[in-house]
Structures are given as structure tokens and as C-alpha cells.
Amino acid sequence: MDLPDGPEFSSQRLGDTVTLDLGGHWTVKASAAIEARADALLAESDGARRVVFDLGRVARLDTAGAWLIDRARQRLDAKGVDAKLESVRPEYEILLREAMYRALPVPKPPSGSHIVRLLADIGESVVSAGADLYAGVGFLGEVVAAIGKGLASPSHFRGTSLVVHMESIALRGVPIIALINFLAGAIITQQGIFQLRRFGATIFAVNLIGILILRELGVLLTAIMVAGRSGSAITAELGSM
């Protein structure tokens, strides 16, 4: 006996056509019952040449129910049975289309010698690098075009957005960037003094850390921190939209 909020169906056979009248709640809360009903749908359709799934009485449907219904339909199609859905609500049509059952292909074992696979991997890497280079050049072109458009028509330049992003990306990142550069400089200075002490050149540790931080590590650490901090923040903002 079906629960009031569980899935239910009835079948009607007319010649070689079977109509499956689905009703109730086809949701994940009744996943075990849905699985049993999906198997029963196939059993009721045995020997039919045409099967119609009537979803007019379905009160509630989620991804689990839509996936199992579409799986039953595709299994019937694989047997040569003309199976289709009828009386589907518009919101359920979108769900059924998005949750469409797809049989995963069986992966084929790799064929050929190790040299062939190595050359194939190298080729894929080269093609991937070329695609990345193409995308990078395209992005650079879009940036240049946007700058040119802004210079040509200053009224379309979004100064407020520029200031907001400069504040969130650059200004608010100064404390953590300064802290990381200070700690890295302190550690390098300490280790440099230990090594230069052997040669009586401890005084040159100041020049070492000044040149190293200002010319090399400072720029590199700043770029890494800005990219990591701002990139993760922008990704989180896009993900929450």
C-alpha cells in the first residue's frame, strides 16, 4: 500500500500500447520506493511496443524522481519500445531535461605502445598550451579594446567600479602583503647573516636583503598574494551569485 506522500502508478494496456499513469510524490525522501516503482514500470511495460508515461497526477517531483523516470524511459527506448512522456508540467519539463539519465560509456583500455601514448600525451599538452595561449591573446585583445573604447568615449568609463576594485584588491591587501614580505625578509636576513658570518661579511646582509626584496622577492610575493587573495575572493563572489 502506498503512503500518501509516496510514489504511485497504475497501468492500462490497450493493444500493444501501455499507458502508465504516475501520481503522488516522486522525491528523494521516498528514494527506495521510487527505485521499486521504476523497476515496476519496466515490468508493466513488458511486451509493449509503445509506452506512454502520463505525469498529469504527479504532485511533486525532484531530481531523483526525474532521473529514475527518464532512466526507465531510456531503457525502454533501448529495447526498441516507443516511450514518451505526456501531461508534463512546464517546471517538470525543465527538471526532466536537466536530470536526463545518461549511461556512462565504458572506458576503453589504452592501446598501443608506451612510445605512442607518450607522443599522444605530448601532442595533447602542446594543443592545450596552444589553446591557453590563444585564450590569453584574446583576453589581452579584449583588454586593449576596452581601454581604447574608454579613452575614445570617457563618459562610458566606469570610474566608480575602478576605484572600488582598486580598494578591495590593492588597498585592503596591503596589510597581509606587508606582513608576508616582512616575515620573508626577516627569515632571509637571519639565514644570510649565518652564512656571511663565515667570511666576515655580515654587514652586507643589509644590502642582500634590500636588493633581494626590492628587486625580486617583493614583487613576486606581492603578485602571488594579490592573485591568491583577490582571485579567491572574486571566485567566492561569483559562486554566491
Protein backbone atom coordinates (compact mmCIF):
# COMPACT_ATOMS: atom_id res chain seq x y z
CA MET A 1 0.00 0.00 0.00
CA ASP A 2 1.44 3.39 -0.98
CA LEU A 3 2.00 6.13 1.54
CA PRO A 4 0.03 9.37 0.97
CA ASP A 5 3.20 11.21 0.02
CA GLY A 6 4.83 8.29 -1.79
CA PRO A 7 5.07 7.48 -5.48
CA GLU A 8 2.27 5.53 -7.11
CA PHE A 9 1.23 4.48 -10.58
CA SER A 10 -1.36 2.49 -12.45
CA SER A 11 -1.10 0.86 -15.85
CA GLN A 12 -3.59 0.42 -18.66
CA ARG A 13 -2.91 -1.76 -21.68
CA LEU A 14 -4.69 -1.20 -24.97
CA GLY A 15 -3.38 -3.49 -27.66
CA ASP A 16 0.35 -3.07 -27.87
CA THR A 17 0.23 0.32 -26.09
CA VAL A 18 0.71 0.65 -22.33
CA THR A 19 -0.21 3.86 -20.51
CA LEU A 20 1.49 4.34 -17.15
CA ASP A 21 -0.42 6.86 -15.01
CA LEU A 22 2.05 8.25 -12.45
CA GLY A 23 0.94 10.08 -9.32
CA GLY A 24 1.99 11.09 -5.83
CA HIS A 25 5.36 12.41 -4.76
CA TRP A 26 8.41 11.27 -6.72
CA THR A 27 11.03 12.79 -4.43
CA VAL A 28 14.28 11.75 -2.80
CA LYS A 29 12.52 11.20 0.55
CA ALA A 30 10.93 8.10 -0.95
CA SER A 31 14.02 7.04 -2.91
CA ALA A 32 13.66 3.35 -2.06
CA ALA A 33 10.01 3.34 -3.13
CA ILE A 34 10.88 5.30 -6.29
CA GLU A 35 13.51 2.72 -7.22
CA ALA A 36 10.98 -0.07 -6.75
CA ARG A 37 8.36 1.82 -8.77
CA ALA A 38 10.85 2.44 -11.58
CA ASP A 39 11.55 -1.29 -11.80
CA ALA A 40 7.82 -1.98 -11.71
CA LEU A 41 7.30 0.42 -14.61
CA LEU A 42 9.61 -1.70 -16.74
CA ALA A 43 7.85 -4.88 -15.64
CA GLU A 44 4.41 -3.48 -16.52
CA SER A 45 5.71 -2.46 -19.95
CA ASP A 46 6.95 -5.92 -20.83
CA GLY A 47 5.82 -6.93 -24.31
CA ALA A 48 4.52 -3.49 -25.28
CA ARG A 49 5.59 -1.69 -28.43
CA ARG A 50 4.56 1.76 -27.23
CA VAL A 51 4.62 3.14 -23.68
CA VAL A 52 3.18 6.47 -22.53
CA PHE A 53 4.23 7.97 -19.17
CA ASP A 54 1.36 10.18 -18.01
CA LEU A 55 2.70 12.62 -15.38
CA GLY A 56 -0.51 14.60 -15.01
CA ARG A 57 -1.17 13.41 -11.43
CA VAL A 58 2.40 13.83 -10.15
CA ALA A 59 2.10 16.21 -7.20
CA ARG A 60 5.80 16.69 -6.54
CA LEU A 61 8.92 15.81 -8.49
CA ASP A 62 12.60 16.36 -7.75
CA THR A 63 15.88 15.39 -9.36
CA ALA A 64 15.85 11.81 -8.02
CA GLY A 65 12.36 11.09 -9.33
CA ALA A 66 13.01 12.78 -12.67
CA TRP A 67 16.23 10.82 -13.12
CA LEU A 68 14.58 7.46 -12.42
CA ILE A 69 11.60 8.18 -14.67
CA ASP A 70 13.86 9.20 -17.52
CA ARG A 71 16.06 6.16 -16.89
CA ALA A 72 13.03 3.88 -17.28
CA ARG A 73 12.07 5.69 -20.48
CA GLN A 74 15.55 5.36 -21.97
CA ARG A 75 15.76 1.68 -21.03
CA LEU A 76 12.52 1.10 -22.92
CA ASP A 77 13.92 3.03 -25.89
CA ALA A 78 16.99 0.78 -25.82
CA LYS A 79 14.67 -2.23 -26.15
CA GLY A 80 13.03 -0.74 -29.23
CA VAL A 81 9.91 0.44 -27.40
CA ASP A 82 8.49 3.82 -28.37
CA ALA A 83 8.39 5.51 -24.93
CA LYS A 84 7.44 9.13 -24.33
CA LEU A 85 6.24 11.45 -21.58
CA GLU A 86 2.88 13.23 -21.62
CA SER A 87 0.97 15.75 -19.47
CA VAL A 88 4.20 17.13 -18.04
CA ARG A 89 4.09 20.45 -16.22
CA PRO A 90 6.39 23.18 -17.60
CA GLU A 91 8.53 23.24 -14.45
CA TYR A 92 8.89 19.47 -14.59
CA GLU A 93 9.92 19.61 -18.26
CA ILE A 94 12.96 21.69 -17.29
CA LEU A 95 13.79 19.32 -14.44
CA LEU A 96 13.45 16.23 -16.63
CA ARG A 97 15.66 17.79 -19.27
CA GLU A 98 18.36 18.77 -16.78
CA ALA A 99 18.24 15.45 -14.88
CA MET A 100 18.27 13.34 -18.02
CA TYR A 101 19.65 9.87 -17.43
CA ARG A 102 22.88 9.24 -19.28
CA ALA A 103 24.56 5.87 -19.39
CA LEU A 104 28.28 6.30 -18.75
CA PRO A 105 30.43 4.85 -21.52
CA VAL A 106 32.75 2.04 -20.55
CA PRO A 107 36.32 3.37 -20.71
CA LYS A 108 38.43 1.66 -23.30
CA PRO A 109 41.77 0.28 -22.20
CA PRO A 110 44.73 2.19 -23.58
CA SER A 111 46.03 0.71 -26.79
CA GLY A 112 49.39 0.99 -28.46
CA SER A 113 52.90 1.06 -27.11
CA HIS A 114 54.28 3.34 -24.42
CA ILE A 115 56.01 5.47 -27.06
CA VAL A 116 52.73 6.07 -28.89
CA ARG A 117 50.96 7.06 -25.66
CA LEU A 118 53.88 9.31 -24.73
CA LEU A 119 53.71 11.07 -28.09
CA ALA A 120 49.93 11.37 -27.74
CA ASP A 121 50.31 12.95 -24.29
CA ILE A 122 52.90 15.37 -25.65
CA GLY A 123 50.57 16.27 -28.51
CA GLU A 124 47.67 16.88 -26.12
CA SER A 125 49.90 19.08 -23.95
CA VAL A 126 51.01 21.12 -26.97
CA VAL A 127 47.42 21.55 -28.15
CA SER A 128 46.31 22.55 -24.65
CA ALA A 129 49.16 25.05 -24.38
CA GLY A 130 48.21 26.47 -27.77
CA ALA A 131 44.59 26.84 -26.67
CA ASP A 132 45.69 28.62 -23.48
CA LEU A 133 47.94 30.93 -25.50
CA TYR A 134 45.08 31.68 -27.88
CA ALA A 135 42.76 32.45 -24.96
CA GLY A 136 45.41 34.68 -23.35
CA VAL A 137 45.95 36.65 -26.55
CA GLY A 138 42.19 37.01 -26.93
CA PHE A 139 41.87 38.29 -23.37
CA LEU A 140 44.71 40.76 -23.94
CA GLY A 141 42.96 41.97 -27.08
CA GLU A 142 39.71 42.48 -25.17
CA VAL A 143 41.55 44.49 -22.51
CA VAL A 144 43.23 46.70 -25.12
CA ALA A 145 39.91 47.17 -26.92
CA ALA A 146 38.18 48.09 -23.66
CA ILE A 147 40.91 50.61 -22.82
CA GLY A 148 40.66 52.12 -26.30
CA LYS A 149 36.88 52.34 -26.01
CA GLY A 150 37.22 54.04 -22.64
CA LEU A 151 39.70 56.58 -23.99
CA ALA A 152 37.56 57.25 -27.06
CA SER A 153 34.41 57.86 -25.01
CA PRO A 154 35.31 58.83 -21.42
CA SER A 155 31.64 59.05 -20.48
CA HIS A 156 31.40 55.25 -20.68
CA PHE A 157 34.40 54.75 -18.40
CA ARG A 158 33.27 53.29 -15.06
CA GLY A 159 35.46 55.22 -12.67
CA THR A 160 33.48 54.20 -9.59
CA SER A 161 33.92 50.50 -10.33
CA LEU A 162 37.65 51.02 -10.92
CA VAL A 163 38.10 52.77 -7.57
CA VAL A 164 36.07 50.09 -5.75
CA HIS A 165 38.11 47.25 -7.23
CA MET A 166 41.40 49.06 -6.57
CA GLU A 167 40.38 49.47 -2.95
CA SER A 168 39.25 45.85 -2.47
CA ILE A 169 42.12 44.27 -4.42
CA ALA A 170 45.07 46.59 -3.71
CA LEU A 171 44.46 48.79 -0.68
CA ARG A 172 42.84 46.19 1.57
CA GLY A 173 45.55 43.68 0.65
CA VAL A 174 48.40 45.92 1.85
CA PRO A 175 48.48 44.66 5.49
CA ILE A 176 48.77 40.95 4.68
CA ILE A 177 51.21 41.63 1.82
CA ALA A 178 53.40 43.80 4.06
CA LEU A 179 53.34 41.17 6.79
CA ILE A 180 54.35 38.35 4.43
CA ASN A 181 57.16 40.44 2.91
CA PHE A 182 58.40 41.42 6.36
CA LEU A 183 58.47 37.83 7.61
CA ALA A 184 60.15 36.59 4.44
CA GLY A 185 62.73 39.37 4.68
CA ALA A 186 63.42 38.62 8.35
CA ILE A 187 63.97 34.92 7.67
CA ILE A 188 66.23 35.58 4.68
CA THR A 189 68.21 38.15 6.69
CA GLN A 190 68.72 35.72 9.55
CA GLN A 191 69.88 32.91 7.27
CA GLY A 192 72.06 35.30 5.28
CA ILE A 193 73.81 36.51 8.42
CA PHE A 194 74.56 32.91 9.43
CA GLN A 195 76.21 32.25 6.07
CA LEU A 196 78.03 35.59 5.66
CA ARG A 197 79.45 35.40 9.18
CA ARG A 198 81.93 32.77 8.00
CA PHE A 199 83.50 35.30 5.64
CA GLY A 200 83.29 38.33 7.92
CA ALA A 201 80.78 39.93 5.59
CA THR A 202 77.84 40.23 7.96
CA ILE A 203 77.45 43.91 7.15
CA PHE A 204 76.48 43.03 3.59
CA ALA A 205 73.34 41.26 4.82
CA VAL A 206 71.55 44.63 4.70
CA ASN A 207 72.43 45.11 1.03
CA LEU A 208 71.49 41.49 0.33
CA ILE A 209 68.01 41.75 1.78
CA GLY A 210 67.43 45.20 0.28
CA ILE A 211 68.27 44.12 -3.26
CA LEU A 212 66.53 40.75 -2.89
CA ILE A 213 63.24 42.13 -1.56
CA LEU A 214 63.05 45.27 -3.71
CA ARG A 215 64.08 43.65 -6.99
CA GLU A 216 62.96 40.04 -6.77
CA LEU A 217 61.00 38.59 -3.86
CA GLY A 218 58.95 41.68 -3.03
CA VAL A 219 57.40 41.88 -6.48
CA LEU A 220 56.96 38.12 -6.70
CA LEU A 221 55.35 37.74 -3.26
CA THR A 222 53.09 40.73 -3.89
CA ALA A 223 51.89 39.28 -7.19
CA ILE A 224 51.25 35.88 -5.62
CA MET A 225 49.37 37.34 -2.65
CA VAL A 226 47.24 39.66 -4.80
CA ALA A 227 46.39 36.86 -7.23
CA GLY A 228 45.60 34.35 -4.48
CA ARG A 229 43.70 36.67 -2.16
CA SER A 230 41.79 38.64 -4.78
CA GLY A 231 41.24 35.65 -7.07
CA SER A 232 39.70 33.56 -4.31
CA ALA A 233 37.55 36.49 -3.17
CA ILE A 234 36.24 37.15 -6.69
CA THR A 235 35.57 33.44 -7.17
CA ALA A 236 33.59 33.36 -3.91
CA GLU A 237 31.56 36.38 -5.02
CA LEU A 238 30.74 34.77 -8.36
CA GLY A 239 29.83 31.49 -6.66
CA SER A 240 27.41 33.21 -4.28
CA MET A 241 25.53 34.99 -7.09
